[in-house]
């Protein structure tokens, strides 16, 4: 057995107090996201998304947050992927932003709602052309015999769309996660971390401090 018990460090970047918070979680999330971007974190928009399959087995993967506002958090994906299959059966979802360098985490639970075709297209046309082509080439989550099969498909699609715009695939879309809870975690010395959770109550939010 590999012993990892001595792999540790203290969290000394500062605390989080109730007076620091905003009345609604998205405003405070925007504040922390701005700080994560200004701190030049690698992939500050990377978020671990968890869904549950028909057997109750949780699955996690990293996606990139592309938009957020008072209505929720937006990400895009292949609608035939594992995560999309799960969400079609159970729209409950959780998200986790691991901003280790800032000794911060944000955890979200909520419900994922499919985006409209217009919303998806508006984002799709902003992607680099190679990324648009990759959406056509990859049957996300399906089994591959070899990487060469994926590269061959990509080159076929690249040749097909060499002239003109790349159309939006019918199987490509996105979700808006409507949050029910949003928890902010700030590391603290001696493992006395600061945790605050926003819980939706109708059209308003209740905030509670949690023990570390």
N, C-alpha and C. Protein backbone atom coordinates (compact mmCIF):
# COMPACT_ATOMS: atom_id res chain seq x y z
N UNK A 1 0.83 -1.19 0.00
CA UNK A 1 0.00 0.00 0.00
C UNK A 1 0.87 1.25 0.00
N UNK A 2 0.54 2.21 -0.84
CA UNK A 2 1.28 3.48 -0.88
C UNK A 2 0.77 4.39 0.22
N UNK A 3 1.67 4.82 1.09
CA UNK A 3 1.31 5.67 2.23
C UNK A 3 1.34 7.14 1.82
N UNK A 4 0.21 7.81 1.86
CA UNK A 4 0.12 9.22 1.49
C UNK A 4 -0.23 10.11 2.69
N UNK A 5 -0.14 9.55 3.88
CA UNK A 5 -0.61 10.28 5.06
C UNK A 5 0.19 11.54 5.34
N UNK A 6 1.44 11.60 4.85
CA UNK A 6 2.27 12.77 5.14
C UNK A 6 2.25 13.80 4.01
N UNK A 7 1.46 13.55 2.99
CA UNK A 7 1.32 14.53 1.90
C UNK A 7 0.26 15.55 2.33
N UNK A 8 0.73 16.67 2.79
CA UNK A 8 -0.19 17.67 3.34
C UNK A 8 0.44 19.05 3.28
N UNK A 9 -0.38 20.05 3.40
CA UNK A 9 0.10 21.43 3.52
C UNK A 9 -0.95 22.24 4.25
N UNK A 10 -0.55 23.39 4.73
CA UNK A 10 -1.50 24.27 5.41
C UNK A 10 -2.13 25.22 4.38
N UNK A 11 -3.35 25.59 4.64
CA UNK A 11 -4.07 26.57 3.81
C UNK A 11 -4.00 27.92 4.51
N UNK A 12 -3.30 28.86 3.88
CA UNK A 12 -2.98 30.12 4.57
C UNK A 12 -3.38 31.36 3.77
N UNK A 13 -4.19 31.19 2.75
CA UNK A 13 -4.48 32.34 1.89
C UNK A 13 -5.55 33.28 2.44
N UNK A 14 -6.15 32.94 3.55
CA UNK A 14 -7.14 33.85 4.11
C UNK A 14 -8.48 33.18 4.28
N UNK A 15 -9.35 33.81 5.06
CA UNK A 15 -10.63 33.23 5.38
C UNK A 15 -11.76 33.79 4.54
N UNK A 16 -12.96 33.30 4.84
CA UNK A 16 -14.18 33.77 4.20
C UNK A 16 -15.19 34.05 5.30
N UNK A 17 -15.72 35.25 5.32
CA UNK A 17 -16.67 35.65 6.35
C UNK A 17 -18.02 35.98 5.73
N UNK A 18 -19.04 35.90 6.55
CA UNK A 18 -20.39 36.15 6.05
C UNK A 18 -20.51 37.53 5.43
N UNK A 19 -19.81 38.51 6.00
CA UNK A 19 -19.87 39.87 5.46
C UNK A 19 -19.28 39.97 4.05
N UNK A 20 -18.48 38.97 3.66
CA UNK A 20 -17.90 38.98 2.32
C UNK A 20 -18.92 38.57 1.26
N UNK A 21 -19.97 37.90 1.66
CA UNK A 21 -20.91 37.30 0.72
C UNK A 21 -21.88 38.31 0.15
N UNK A 22 -22.46 37.95 -0.98
CA UNK A 22 -23.52 38.75 -1.61
C UNK A 22 -24.86 38.08 -1.32
N UNK A 23 -25.98 38.81 -1.47
CA UNK A 23 -27.29 38.21 -1.17
C UNK A 23 -27.60 36.98 -2.01
N UNK A 24 -27.12 36.95 -3.27
CA UNK A 24 -27.38 35.83 -4.16
C UNK A 24 -26.06 35.19 -4.58
N UNK A 25 -26.04 33.88 -4.80
CA UNK A 25 -24.77 33.19 -5.03
C UNK A 25 -24.08 33.53 -6.34
N UNK A 26 -24.85 33.85 -7.40
CA UNK A 26 -24.21 34.05 -8.70
C UNK A 26 -23.34 35.30 -8.71
N UNK A 27 -23.72 36.30 -7.94
CA UNK A 27 -22.90 37.50 -7.86
C UNK A 27 -21.57 37.19 -7.18
N UNK A 28 -21.62 36.38 -6.14
CA UNK A 28 -20.36 36.03 -5.47
C UNK A 28 -19.55 35.07 -6.32
N UNK A 29 -20.20 34.16 -7.04
CA UNK A 29 -19.48 33.28 -7.96
C UNK A 29 -18.77 34.10 -9.03
N UNK A 30 -19.42 35.13 -9.54
CA UNK A 30 -18.79 36.00 -10.55
C UNK A 30 -17.53 36.64 -9.97
N UNK A 31 -17.60 37.07 -8.71
CA UNK A 31 -16.46 37.68 -8.04
C UNK A 31 -15.30 36.68 -7.96
N UNK A 32 -15.59 35.46 -7.54
CA UNK A 32 -14.54 34.46 -7.42
C UNK A 32 -14.02 34.04 -8.80
N UNK A 33 -14.89 33.91 -9.79
CA UNK A 33 -14.44 33.55 -11.13
C UNK A 33 -13.52 34.63 -11.68
N UNK A 34 -13.87 35.88 -11.49
CA UNK A 34 -13.01 36.97 -11.95
C UNK A 34 -11.63 36.88 -11.31
N UNK A 35 -11.59 36.56 -10.04
CA UNK A 35 -10.31 36.44 -9.35
C UNK A 35 -9.52 35.23 -9.85
N UNK A 36 -10.21 34.13 -10.16
CA UNK A 36 -9.54 32.94 -10.69
C UNK A 36 -8.91 33.23 -12.05
N UNK A 37 -9.61 33.99 -12.88
CA UNK A 37 -9.08 34.34 -14.19
C UNK A 37 -7.89 35.28 -14.06
N UNK A 38 -8.02 36.30 -13.19
CA UNK A 38 -6.94 37.25 -13.00
C UNK A 38 -5.71 36.60 -12.37
N UNK A 39 -5.90 35.51 -11.64
CA UNK A 39 -4.78 34.80 -11.01
C UNK A 39 -4.05 33.90 -12.01
N UNK A 40 -4.54 33.89 -13.26
CA UNK A 40 -3.93 33.08 -14.32
C UNK A 40 -3.91 31.60 -13.98
N UNK A 41 -4.98 31.13 -13.35
CA UNK A 41 -5.09 29.71 -13.09
C UNK A 41 -5.19 28.96 -14.41
N UNK A 42 -4.66 27.76 -14.45
CA UNK A 42 -4.82 26.93 -15.63
C UNK A 42 -6.26 26.43 -15.68
N UNK A 43 -6.95 26.69 -16.78
CA UNK A 43 -8.33 26.25 -16.97
C UNK A 43 -9.24 26.68 -15.81
N UNK A 44 -9.37 27.96 -15.55
CA UNK A 44 -10.24 28.39 -14.45
C UNK A 44 -11.72 28.05 -14.68
N UNK A 45 -12.11 27.83 -15.93
CA UNK A 45 -13.51 27.49 -16.21
C UNK A 45 -13.77 25.99 -16.20
N UNK A 46 -12.73 25.19 -15.92
CA UNK A 46 -12.91 23.74 -15.87
C UNK A 46 -13.77 23.36 -14.66
N UNK A 47 -14.76 22.51 -14.89
CA UNK A 47 -15.66 22.12 -13.82
C UNK A 47 -15.94 20.62 -13.93
N UNK A 48 -15.89 19.94 -12.80
CA UNK A 48 -16.20 18.52 -12.76
C UNK A 48 -17.72 18.37 -12.67
N UNK A 49 -18.30 17.67 -13.64
CA UNK A 49 -19.75 17.48 -13.71
C UNK A 49 -20.08 16.03 -13.38
N UNK A 50 -20.99 15.82 -12.45
CA UNK A 50 -21.40 14.47 -12.05
C UNK A 50 -22.85 14.22 -12.42
N UNK A 51 -23.08 13.06 -13.05
CA UNK A 51 -24.43 12.60 -13.37
C UNK A 51 -24.58 11.18 -12.84
N UNK A 52 -25.79 10.65 -12.89
CA UNK A 52 -26.06 9.31 -12.36
C UNK A 52 -26.76 8.49 -13.42
N UNK A 53 -26.29 7.23 -13.60
CA UNK A 53 -26.91 6.39 -14.62
C UNK A 53 -28.15 5.67 -14.08
N UNK A 54 -28.74 4.79 -14.91
CA UNK A 54 -30.00 4.15 -14.53
C UNK A 54 -29.85 3.18 -13.37
N UNK A 55 -28.60 2.78 -13.06
CA UNK A 55 -28.35 1.89 -11.93
C UNK A 55 -27.97 2.65 -10.66
N UNK A 56 -28.00 3.97 -10.73
CA UNK A 56 -27.61 4.77 -9.57
C UNK A 56 -26.13 4.98 -9.43
N UNK A 57 -25.37 4.60 -10.47
CA UNK A 57 -23.92 4.76 -10.44
C UNK A 57 -23.53 6.18 -10.85
N UNK A 58 -22.85 6.94 -9.99
CA UNK A 58 -22.39 8.28 -10.38
C UNK A 58 -21.23 8.20 -11.36
N UNK A 59 -21.19 9.15 -12.29
CA UNK A 59 -20.09 9.31 -13.24
C UNK A 59 -19.66 10.77 -13.21
N UNK A 60 -18.34 11.00 -13.33
CA UNK A 60 -17.82 12.35 -13.32
C UNK A 60 -16.91 12.58 -14.53
N UNK A 61 -16.87 13.84 -14.97
CA UNK A 61 -15.97 14.23 -16.05
C UNK A 61 -15.77 15.75 -15.99
N UNK A 62 -14.68 16.20 -16.60
CA UNK A 62 -14.40 17.63 -16.64
C UNK A 62 -14.97 18.21 -17.93
N UNK A 63 -15.72 19.30 -17.81
CA UNK A 63 -16.17 20.08 -18.97
C UNK A 63 -15.75 21.52 -18.73
N UNK A 64 -15.96 22.35 -19.73
CA UNK A 64 -15.62 23.77 -19.59
C UNK A 64 -16.90 24.60 -19.49
N UNK A 65 -16.98 25.40 -18.44
CA UNK A 65 -18.10 26.33 -18.30
C UNK A 65 -17.96 27.41 -19.37
N UNK A 66 -19.03 27.65 -20.11
CA UNK A 66 -18.96 28.61 -21.21
C UNK A 66 -19.75 29.88 -20.95
N UNK A 67 -20.74 29.82 -20.10
CA UNK A 67 -21.53 31.00 -19.77
C UNK A 67 -22.10 30.81 -18.36
N UNK A 68 -22.40 31.91 -17.70
CA UNK A 68 -23.17 31.84 -16.48
C UNK A 68 -23.81 33.20 -16.24
N UNK A 69 -24.97 33.16 -15.63
CA UNK A 69 -25.69 34.38 -15.26
C UNK A 69 -26.62 34.02 -14.12
N UNK A 70 -27.57 34.90 -13.81
CA UNK A 70 -28.45 34.64 -12.68
C UNK A 70 -29.33 33.41 -12.89
N UNK A 71 -29.47 32.96 -14.14
CA UNK A 71 -30.29 31.78 -14.43
C UNK A 71 -29.54 30.47 -14.28
N UNK A 72 -28.21 30.51 -14.23
CA UNK A 72 -27.48 29.27 -14.04
C UNK A 72 -26.18 29.18 -14.82
N UNK A 73 -25.66 27.95 -14.91
CA UNK A 73 -24.35 27.64 -15.49
C UNK A 73 -24.54 26.88 -16.80
N UNK A 74 -23.81 27.26 -17.84
CA UNK A 74 -24.01 26.68 -19.17
C UNK A 74 -22.77 25.93 -19.64
N UNK A 75 -22.99 24.70 -20.13
CA UNK A 75 -21.92 23.96 -20.81
C UNK A 75 -22.51 23.27 -22.03
N UNK A 76 -21.62 22.85 -22.95
CA UNK A 76 -22.05 22.25 -24.21
C UNK A 76 -21.47 20.85 -24.33
N UNK A 77 -22.16 19.99 -25.11
CA UNK A 77 -21.73 18.60 -25.22
C UNK A 77 -22.44 17.91 -26.38
N UNK A 78 -21.98 16.73 -26.70
CA UNK A 78 -22.66 15.85 -27.64
C UNK A 78 -23.91 15.30 -26.95
N UNK A 79 -25.05 15.40 -27.58
CA UNK A 79 -26.30 14.97 -26.96
C UNK A 79 -26.48 13.46 -26.97
N UNK A 80 -25.52 12.74 -27.58
CA UNK A 80 -25.53 11.28 -27.54
C UNK A 80 -24.46 10.74 -26.60
N UNK A 81 -23.83 11.64 -25.85
CA UNK A 81 -22.77 11.25 -24.92
C UNK A 81 -23.37 10.58 -23.69
N UNK A 82 -22.48 10.00 -22.88
CA UNK A 82 -22.94 9.36 -21.65
C UNK A 82 -23.66 10.34 -20.74
N UNK A 83 -23.08 11.53 -20.57
CA UNK A 83 -23.69 12.50 -19.66
C UNK A 83 -25.07 12.92 -20.12
N UNK A 84 -25.23 13.10 -21.45
CA UNK A 84 -26.53 13.50 -21.98
C UNK A 84 -27.55 12.39 -21.83
N UNK A 85 -27.11 11.15 -22.01
CA UNK A 85 -28.00 10.01 -21.80
C UNK A 85 -28.47 9.96 -20.36
N UNK A 86 -27.56 10.17 -19.42
CA UNK A 86 -27.94 10.21 -18.01
C UNK A 86 -28.95 11.31 -17.74
N UNK A 87 -28.67 12.52 -18.26
CA UNK A 87 -29.52 13.67 -17.97
C UNK A 87 -30.90 13.52 -18.58
N UNK A 88 -31.03 12.76 -19.66
CA UNK A 88 -32.34 12.53 -20.25
C UNK A 88 -33.21 11.70 -19.31
N UNK A 89 -32.57 10.88 -18.46
CA UNK A 89 -33.29 10.03 -17.52
C UNK A 89 -33.41 10.66 -16.14
N UNK A 90 -32.41 11.44 -15.78
CA UNK A 90 -32.37 12.07 -14.46
C UNK A 90 -31.65 13.39 -14.60
N UNK A 91 -32.39 14.48 -14.57
CA UNK A 91 -31.83 15.80 -14.84
C UNK A 91 -31.06 16.39 -13.67
N UNK A 92 -31.04 15.69 -12.52
CA UNK A 92 -30.29 16.20 -11.39
C UNK A 92 -28.80 16.07 -11.66
N UNK A 93 -28.04 17.09 -11.25
CA UNK A 93 -26.63 17.17 -11.60
C UNK A 93 -25.87 17.89 -10.49
N UNK A 94 -24.58 17.62 -10.40
CA UNK A 94 -23.73 18.39 -9.49
C UNK A 94 -22.49 18.85 -10.25
N UNK A 95 -21.94 19.98 -9.80
CA UNK A 95 -20.77 20.57 -10.44
C UNK A 95 -19.77 20.95 -9.35
N UNK A 96 -18.49 20.85 -9.69
CA UNK A 96 -17.44 21.19 -8.71
C UNK A 96 -16.31 21.92 -9.40
N UNK A 97 -16.02 23.13 -8.92
CA UNK A 97 -14.91 23.94 -9.43
C UNK A 97 -13.75 23.82 -8.45
N UNK A 98 -12.63 23.19 -8.84
CA UNK A 98 -11.49 22.98 -7.93
C UNK A 98 -10.38 24.00 -8.16
N UNK A 99 -10.49 25.14 -7.52
CA UNK A 99 -9.49 26.19 -7.69
C UNK A 99 -8.41 26.03 -6.62
N UNK A 100 -7.55 25.00 -6.81
CA UNK A 100 -6.59 24.62 -5.77
C UNK A 100 -5.60 25.74 -5.45
N UNK A 101 -5.12 26.45 -6.48
CA UNK A 101 -4.10 27.47 -6.23
C UNK A 101 -4.61 28.61 -5.36
N UNK A 102 -5.92 28.83 -5.38
CA UNK A 102 -6.52 29.86 -4.53
C UNK A 102 -7.08 29.28 -3.24
N UNK A 103 -6.87 27.95 -3.07
CA UNK A 103 -7.39 27.24 -1.90
C UNK A 103 -8.90 27.42 -1.79
N UNK A 104 -9.57 27.28 -2.94
CA UNK A 104 -11.02 27.48 -3.01
C UNK A 104 -11.69 26.35 -3.78
N UNK A 105 -12.94 26.10 -3.41
CA UNK A 105 -13.79 25.20 -4.16
C UNK A 105 -15.19 25.81 -4.22
N UNK A 106 -15.89 25.52 -5.31
CA UNK A 106 -17.31 25.86 -5.40
C UNK A 106 -18.05 24.60 -5.82
N UNK A 107 -19.08 24.23 -5.07
CA UNK A 107 -19.88 23.05 -5.38
C UNK A 107 -21.32 23.47 -5.64
N UNK A 108 -21.90 22.89 -6.68
CA UNK A 108 -23.26 23.25 -7.11
C UNK A 108 -24.09 22.00 -7.25
N UNK A 109 -25.33 22.03 -6.80
CA UNK A 109 -26.30 21.00 -7.14
C UNK A 109 -27.49 21.69 -7.79
N UNK A 110 -28.12 20.97 -8.72
CA UNK A 110 -29.26 21.58 -9.41
C UNK A 110 -29.84 20.66 -10.45
N UNK A 111 -30.54 21.26 -11.38
CA UNK A 111 -31.22 20.53 -12.46
C UNK A 111 -30.72 21.07 -13.79
N UNK A 112 -30.38 20.16 -14.71
CA UNK A 112 -29.88 20.55 -16.04
C UNK A 112 -31.04 20.62 -17.03
N UNK A 113 -31.18 21.78 -17.67
CA UNK A 113 -32.22 21.98 -18.68
C UNK A 113 -31.58 22.15 -20.04
N UNK A 114 -32.06 21.43 -21.08
CA UNK A 114 -31.49 21.57 -22.42
C UNK A 114 -31.62 22.99 -22.94
N UNK A 115 -30.59 23.45 -23.65
CA UNK A 115 -30.62 24.76 -24.28
C UNK A 115 -31.42 24.70 -25.58
N UNK A 116 -31.92 25.83 -26.00
CA UNK A 116 -32.61 25.91 -27.28
C UNK A 116 -31.60 25.80 -28.42
N UNK A 117 -32.09 25.43 -29.60
CA UNK A 117 -31.21 25.34 -30.77
C UNK A 117 -30.57 26.69 -31.07
N UNK A 118 -31.32 27.76 -30.88
CA UNK A 118 -30.79 29.10 -31.13
C UNK A 118 -29.62 29.42 -30.19
N UNK A 119 -29.74 29.03 -28.91
CA UNK A 119 -28.66 29.28 -27.96
C UNK A 119 -27.43 28.46 -28.32
N UNK A 120 -27.64 27.21 -28.73
CA UNK A 120 -26.53 26.34 -29.09
C UNK A 120 -25.82 26.87 -30.34
N UNK A 121 -26.59 27.25 -31.34
CA UNK A 121 -26.00 27.75 -32.59
C UNK A 121 -25.21 29.03 -32.35
N UNK A 122 -25.71 29.89 -31.50
CA UNK A 122 -25.03 31.15 -31.20
C UNK A 122 -23.63 30.88 -30.66
N UNK A 123 -23.49 29.84 -29.83
CA UNK A 123 -22.16 29.51 -29.33
C UNK A 123 -21.35 28.73 -30.36
N UNK A 124 -21.98 27.79 -31.06
CA UNK A 124 -21.25 26.91 -31.98
C UNK A 124 -20.48 27.69 -33.03
N UNK A 125 -21.08 28.76 -33.54
CA UNK A 125 -20.42 29.51 -34.61
C UNK A 125 -19.22 30.31 -34.10
N UNK A 126 -19.07 30.44 -32.78
CA UNK A 126 -17.90 31.13 -32.22
C UNK A 126 -16.72 30.19 -32.05
N UNK A 127 -16.92 28.88 -32.15
CA UNK A 127 -15.84 27.91 -31.95
C UNK A 127 -14.88 27.94 -33.14
N UNK A 128 -13.60 27.63 -32.89
CA UNK A 128 -12.68 27.48 -34.02
C UNK A 128 -13.20 26.40 -34.97
N UNK A 129 -12.91 26.55 -36.26
CA UNK A 129 -13.44 25.62 -37.24
C UNK A 129 -13.03 24.18 -36.94
N UNK A 130 -11.80 23.97 -36.47
CA UNK A 130 -11.35 22.62 -36.15
C UNK A 130 -12.18 22.01 -35.04
N UNK A 131 -12.60 22.83 -34.07
CA UNK A 131 -13.44 22.34 -32.99
C UNK A 131 -14.84 22.01 -33.50
N UNK A 132 -15.34 22.81 -34.43
CA UNK A 132 -16.63 22.51 -35.04
C UNK A 132 -16.58 21.17 -35.77
N UNK A 133 -15.49 20.96 -36.51
CA UNK A 133 -15.33 19.70 -37.25
C UNK A 133 -15.20 18.53 -36.29
N UNK A 134 -14.49 18.73 -35.18
CA UNK A 134 -14.32 17.66 -34.20
C UNK A 134 -15.66 17.22 -33.63
N UNK A 135 -16.60 18.16 -33.51
CA UNK A 135 -17.94 17.80 -33.02
C UNK A 135 -18.60 16.79 -33.96
N UNK A 136 -18.38 16.96 -35.26
CA UNK A 136 -18.91 16.03 -36.26
C UNK A 136 -18.17 14.70 -36.24
N UNK A 137 -16.87 14.74 -35.96
CA UNK A 137 -16.03 13.55 -36.08
C UNK A 137 -16.16 12.59 -34.90
N UNK A 138 -16.50 13.11 -33.72
CA UNK A 138 -16.48 12.28 -32.52
C UNK A 138 -17.88 11.84 -32.10
N UNK A 139 -18.07 10.53 -32.07
CA UNK A 139 -19.29 9.96 -31.49
C UNK A 139 -19.01 9.77 -30.01
N UNK A 140 -19.15 10.85 -29.26
CA UNK A 140 -18.65 10.92 -27.89
C UNK A 140 -19.16 9.78 -27.01
N UNK A 141 -18.24 9.20 -26.25
CA UNK A 141 -18.47 8.12 -25.30
C UNK A 141 -18.60 6.74 -25.94
N UNK A 142 -18.64 6.67 -27.29
CA UNK A 142 -18.70 5.37 -27.94
C UNK A 142 -17.31 4.74 -27.96
N UNK A 143 -17.24 3.43 -28.15
CA UNK A 143 -15.97 2.73 -28.14
C UNK A 143 -15.24 2.89 -29.47
N UNK A 144 -13.91 3.04 -29.38
CA UNK A 144 -13.05 3.18 -30.56
C UNK A 144 -12.11 2.00 -30.65
N UNK A 145 -11.91 1.49 -31.85
CA UNK A 145 -10.95 0.41 -32.03
C UNK A 145 -9.52 0.93 -31.95
N UNK A 146 -9.30 2.19 -32.38
CA UNK A 146 -7.97 2.80 -32.35
C UNK A 146 -8.13 4.30 -32.57
N UNK A 147 -7.13 5.07 -32.14
CA UNK A 147 -7.18 6.52 -32.33
C UNK A 147 -7.21 6.86 -33.82
N UNK A 148 -6.59 6.02 -34.64
CA UNK A 148 -6.55 6.27 -36.07
C UNK A 148 -7.95 6.39 -36.66
N UNK A 149 -8.89 5.64 -36.10
CA UNK A 149 -10.26 5.70 -36.60
C UNK A 149 -10.85 7.10 -36.37
N UNK A 150 -10.53 7.68 -35.22
CA UNK A 150 -11.01 9.04 -34.92
C UNK A 150 -10.35 10.05 -35.84
N UNK A 151 -9.04 9.91 -36.03
CA UNK A 151 -8.32 10.86 -36.88
C UNK A 151 -8.79 10.75 -38.34
N UNK A 152 -9.07 9.54 -38.78
CA UNK A 152 -9.58 9.35 -40.15
C UNK A 152 -10.92 10.04 -40.33
N UNK A 153 -11.80 9.87 -39.33
CA UNK A 153 -13.12 10.52 -39.40
C UNK A 153 -12.97 12.04 -39.40
N UNK A 154 -12.04 12.55 -38.59
CA UNK A 154 -11.81 13.99 -38.54
C UNK A 154 -11.35 14.51 -39.89
N UNK A 155 -10.42 13.80 -40.51
CA UNK A 155 -9.91 14.23 -41.81
C UNK A 155 -11.00 14.16 -42.88
N UNK A 156 -11.89 13.18 -42.79
CA UNK A 156 -13.01 13.10 -43.72
C UNK A 156 -13.93 14.31 -43.58
N UNK A 157 -14.23 14.65 -42.34
CA UNK A 157 -15.11 15.80 -42.09
C UNK A 157 -14.42 17.11 -42.48
N UNK A 158 -13.10 17.16 -42.25
CA UNK A 158 -12.34 18.37 -42.62
C UNK A 158 -12.40 18.59 -44.12
N UNK A 159 -12.29 17.50 -44.89
CA UNK A 159 -12.38 17.62 -46.34
C UNK A 159 -13.79 17.98 -46.78
N UNK A 160 -14.77 17.41 -46.11
CA UNK A 160 -16.17 17.67 -46.46
C UNK A 160 -16.53 19.13 -46.27
N UNK A 161 -16.02 19.73 -45.20
CA UNK A 161 -16.37 21.11 -44.87
C UNK A 161 -15.24 22.09 -45.19
N UNK A 162 -14.36 21.68 -46.10
CA UNK A 162 -13.21 22.54 -46.43
C UNK A 162 -13.66 23.88 -46.99
N UNK A 163 -14.73 23.87 -47.72
CA UNK A 163 -15.26 25.09 -48.31
C UNK A 163 -16.59 25.44 -47.63
N UNK A 164 -16.66 26.62 -47.12
CA UNK A 164 -17.90 27.06 -46.50
C UNK A 164 -17.94 26.82 -45.00
N UNK A 165 -19.09 27.11 -44.41
CA UNK A 165 -19.26 27.01 -42.97
C UNK A 165 -19.58 25.59 -42.55
N UNK A 166 -19.27 25.29 -41.30
CA UNK A 166 -19.58 23.98 -40.72
C UNK A 166 -20.96 24.07 -40.08
N UNK A 167 -21.92 23.25 -40.52
CA UNK A 167 -23.26 23.33 -39.93
C UNK A 167 -23.30 22.76 -38.52
N UNK A 168 -24.30 23.16 -37.78
CA UNK A 168 -24.49 22.65 -36.42
C UNK A 168 -25.00 21.22 -36.49
N UNK A 169 -24.29 20.26 -35.87
CA UNK A 169 -24.81 18.88 -35.85
C UNK A 169 -26.09 18.80 -35.03
N UNK A 170 -27.02 17.98 -35.48
CA UNK A 170 -28.27 17.82 -34.74
C UNK A 170 -28.04 17.18 -33.38
N UNK A 171 -26.92 16.44 -33.26
CA UNK A 171 -26.64 15.72 -32.02
C UNK A 171 -25.75 16.51 -31.07
N UNK A 172 -25.56 17.80 -31.31
CA UNK A 172 -24.68 18.61 -30.47
C UNK A 172 -25.51 19.71 -29.82
N UNK A 173 -25.37 19.86 -28.50
CA UNK A 173 -26.19 20.86 -27.81
C UNK A 173 -25.56 21.29 -26.50
N UNK A 174 -26.39 21.68 -25.57
CA UNK A 174 -25.88 22.16 -24.30
C UNK A 174 -26.95 22.18 -23.23
N UNK A 175 -26.53 22.53 -22.02
CA UNK A 175 -27.42 22.53 -20.86
C UNK A 175 -27.20 23.79 -20.03
N UNK A 176 -28.25 24.21 -19.40
CA UNK A 176 -28.16 25.25 -18.37
C UNK A 176 -28.50 24.60 -17.04
N UNK A 177 -27.55 24.64 -16.11
CA UNK A 177 -27.77 24.06 -14.79
C UNK A 177 -28.40 25.12 -13.90
N UNK A 178 -29.64 24.85 -13.51
CA UNK A 178 -30.37 25.76 -12.62
C UNK A 178 -30.02 25.36 -11.18
N UNK A 179 -29.26 26.19 -10.47
CA UNK A 179 -28.76 25.77 -9.16
C UNK A 179 -29.83 25.74 -8.08
N UNK A 180 -29.74 24.72 -7.25
CA UNK A 180 -30.57 24.62 -6.04
C UNK A 180 -29.73 24.91 -4.80
N UNK A 181 -28.46 24.53 -4.85
CA UNK A 181 -27.52 24.90 -3.78
C UNK A 181 -26.20 25.30 -4.43
N UNK A 182 -25.52 26.25 -3.80
CA UNK A 182 -24.18 26.66 -4.22
C UNK A 182 -23.34 26.81 -2.96
N UNK A 183 -22.26 26.03 -2.85
CA UNK A 183 -21.41 26.10 -1.67
C UNK A 183 -20.05 26.68 -2.02
N UNK A 184 -19.60 27.62 -1.20
CA UNK A 184 -18.27 28.23 -1.36
C UNK A 184 -17.38 27.76 -0.22
N UNK A 185 -16.21 27.27 -0.58
CA UNK A 185 -15.26 26.69 0.38
C UNK A 185 -13.93 27.43 0.26
N UNK A 186 -13.46 27.94 1.38
CA UNK A 186 -12.15 28.60 1.43
C UNK A 186 -11.29 27.88 2.45
N UNK A 187 -10.11 27.42 2.02
CA UNK A 187 -9.23 26.70 2.92
C UNK A 187 -8.81 27.55 4.11
N UNK A 188 -8.65 26.92 5.27
CA UNK A 188 -8.26 27.62 6.48
C UNK A 188 -7.15 26.89 7.22
N UNK A 189 -6.39 27.64 8.01
CA UNK A 189 -5.28 27.08 8.78
C UNK A 189 -5.78 26.02 9.76
N UNK A 190 -4.99 24.99 9.98
CA UNK A 190 -5.31 23.89 10.89
C UNK A 190 -6.58 23.15 10.47
N UNK A 191 -6.89 23.20 9.18
CA UNK A 191 -8.09 22.55 8.62
C UNK A 191 -9.39 23.17 9.12
N UNK A 192 -9.33 24.39 9.63
CA UNK A 192 -10.54 25.11 10.04
C UNK A 192 -11.05 25.90 8.85
N UNK A 193 -11.50 25.19 7.83
CA UNK A 193 -11.93 25.81 6.58
C UNK A 193 -13.23 26.58 6.78
N UNK A 194 -13.45 27.55 5.89
CA UNK A 194 -14.70 28.32 5.89
C UNK A 194 -15.60 27.80 4.76
N UNK A 195 -16.84 27.46 5.12
CA UNK A 195 -17.80 26.95 4.15
C UNK A 195 -19.14 27.66 4.34
N UNK A 196 -19.67 28.17 3.24
CA UNK A 196 -21.01 28.77 3.24
C UNK A 196 -21.81 28.15 2.11
N UNK A 197 -23.04 27.78 2.41
CA UNK A 197 -23.91 27.19 1.40
C UNK A 197 -25.16 28.06 1.21
N UNK A 198 -25.43 28.38 -0.06
CA UNK A 198 -26.67 29.06 -0.44
C UNK A 198 -27.68 27.98 -0.80
N UNK A 199 -28.89 28.07 -0.26
CA UNK A 199 -29.96 27.12 -0.55
C UNK A 199 -31.17 27.89 -1.08
N UNK A 200 -31.64 27.47 -2.25
CA UNK A 200 -32.77 28.17 -2.85
C UNK A 200 -34.05 27.89 -2.08
N UNK A 201 -34.78 28.94 -1.79
CA UNK A 201 -36.09 28.83 -1.16
C UNK A 201 -37.06 29.71 -1.94
N UNK A 202 -37.74 29.09 -2.90
CA UNK A 202 -38.61 29.86 -3.78
C UNK A 202 -37.80 30.77 -4.66
N UNK A 203 -38.05 32.07 -4.58
CA UNK A 203 -37.31 33.05 -5.37
C UNK A 203 -36.18 33.69 -4.60
N UNK A 204 -35.92 33.20 -3.41
CA UNK A 204 -34.85 33.79 -2.59
C UNK A 204 -33.85 32.72 -2.19
N UNK A 205 -32.78 33.15 -1.49
CA UNK A 205 -31.72 32.26 -1.07
C UNK A 205 -31.49 32.38 0.43
N UNK A 206 -31.30 31.25 1.08
CA UNK A 206 -30.90 31.21 2.49
C UNK A 206 -29.43 30.82 2.53
N UNK A 207 -28.67 31.45 3.41
CA UNK A 207 -27.23 31.17 3.53
C UNK A 207 -26.94 30.62 4.92
N UNK A 208 -26.18 29.52 4.94
CA UNK A 208 -25.77 28.92 6.21
C UNK A 208 -24.27 28.65 6.20
N UNK A 209 -23.65 28.83 7.35
CA UNK A 209 -22.25 28.43 7.51
C UNK A 209 -22.22 26.94 7.86
N UNK A 210 -21.29 26.21 7.27
CA UNK A 210 -21.13 24.78 7.53
C UNK A 210 -19.82 24.53 8.26
N UNK A 211 -19.82 23.54 9.14
CA UNK A 211 -18.58 23.14 9.79
C UNK A 211 -17.65 22.49 8.77
N UNK A 212 -16.34 22.69 8.94
CA UNK A 212 -15.41 22.12 7.98
C UNK A 212 -15.31 20.61 8.06
